[in-house]
């Protein structure tokens, strides 16, 4: 394939692969898409043509390097477990995946600097994602148990994640709208209108706020070129979305945003109060290690030990069901947990380098939307959204001294293959798990072999062990259930649900002293 052909194909390859794949049986859609990003960027680095240098890539590499150092410090220092267990709670695989995710972003910058226009690809995937969400709300696109009128998650498995991508993508399309002609301009207007309609149907408040602000910024940058037209198209679509929401017969969306909790109270707690309580716990983690943090990817591991009673009460509607907090719901705070204050400063420096290199300021509008969403959500882990924002902000760098072709190819091959293999693991694991998930959704006997196969691929995921322990407990195999529950505790030593499960298994097997110790 020629260099020109590569340039035209790359946007379709990236955005098509990151947005369109969907399997209703995946356990964690975001985990899969982060894996796809590693697979794509790593394969391209290892096997594709040499990519042009991009502005900001060195700053992002420095940021990733600091996270590696923070991980090493956290691994060496260790974190002592609850109740004096003296068990290191640092999870190296979580750290590796988090660092790899950020390390893929410099590759994204290089791909974007080497590729042709990404507008057609982004217009098409945004049209499809928004249309699919609207059809879900109308009850048309629900298939194989995936998606329903009260939960129009589009292709993303989560309402807020879907809204994050659509808000960033619609802003990106709006920034290029004045330059489009003919059928692509018409398609872009349609994508903007559908995006507005879907965000209203989705009801994610962060997306509803971020998109108008992003398109208002675009209108300012293109004020001499009727830049307001993109905002008008999105607002027109939003009106149609409001009409659909009023007239369609969908059930009222649960306040907890989970159909499994249909019996929960319909009065939602204050989102601001929940966020405030999470921020309080997060600030305690940061105060423990302000320079190196707790280590990349360790928030979900460490947060349960600083979780406030008030936050638990609010999140679980007065403890009606178990809840967990896997992200800080504020990426700026979570960066402090990943690598301390230097990590946050290094990330800001990378953003500064990106904006300095971009002459067309309107291309920074999607990054502006991403940064806004980072105040209340975790879009840095949303692979399609973060790739799109960095892609739009990318700019070629001036030629500089480079490594010899042989050395570059050797390093690129090693790094690329490592990223690709690491990315393949969660994709395969979630796909292997899918038959188990779908069987449970249909009320059938789930195949435990699918669960065991998923665990064999991503052995650092505690949710596999929790489900395996429950299945073994159901069959009366207490010894195996205790082993799986103990492994879940080792992976998440501060999570009460796993310790409670471990204690239940020990008690039912007659090991009362061990069960009492686990309960304490």
Foldseek 3Di string as FASTA:
>chain_A
DDLQVLQACVLLVLLVQLQPDFFQQFPALLLLSLLVLLQVLLCCLQPNDDFFAWWLLVLLVVLLVLLVVLLVVLVVVFDQFPPRPRFGQRDVLLQVSLSLSSNSLSSLLRSLQSHDDNLVSLLVSLLQQLVQLLCLLLVNNQDLNPGHNLASCRRRNHLVLSLLLLLLSLLQLLLCLLVDDDPSNVSNLSSLLSSLLNCLSSVDVLSVVLNLVLLVVSCVLVVVRNSCSSVVSSVNSNVVSVVCNVPRPGDHHALLNDPVVVVADRDADDLVVLLVQLVVLLVVQCVVPQAFANHRSCCQQPSLVSRDPVNQCRNCVHPPDDDGDRDSQAQLSVLCNHGHPVSSVSVVVSVVRLCVQDPSNSLQSSVVSVNSSNGGHNCSSSVSSVSSNSSSSIHGDDDDDDDDPVVSNVVSNVSSVVSSLSSVLSNVLSVLSSQQSSCVSVVHDGDLVSLVVSCVRVVLDLVSLCVVLVVCVVVVNLVSSLVSLVSSCSNRVSDLVSLQSNLVSCVVVPNNVVSVVSND
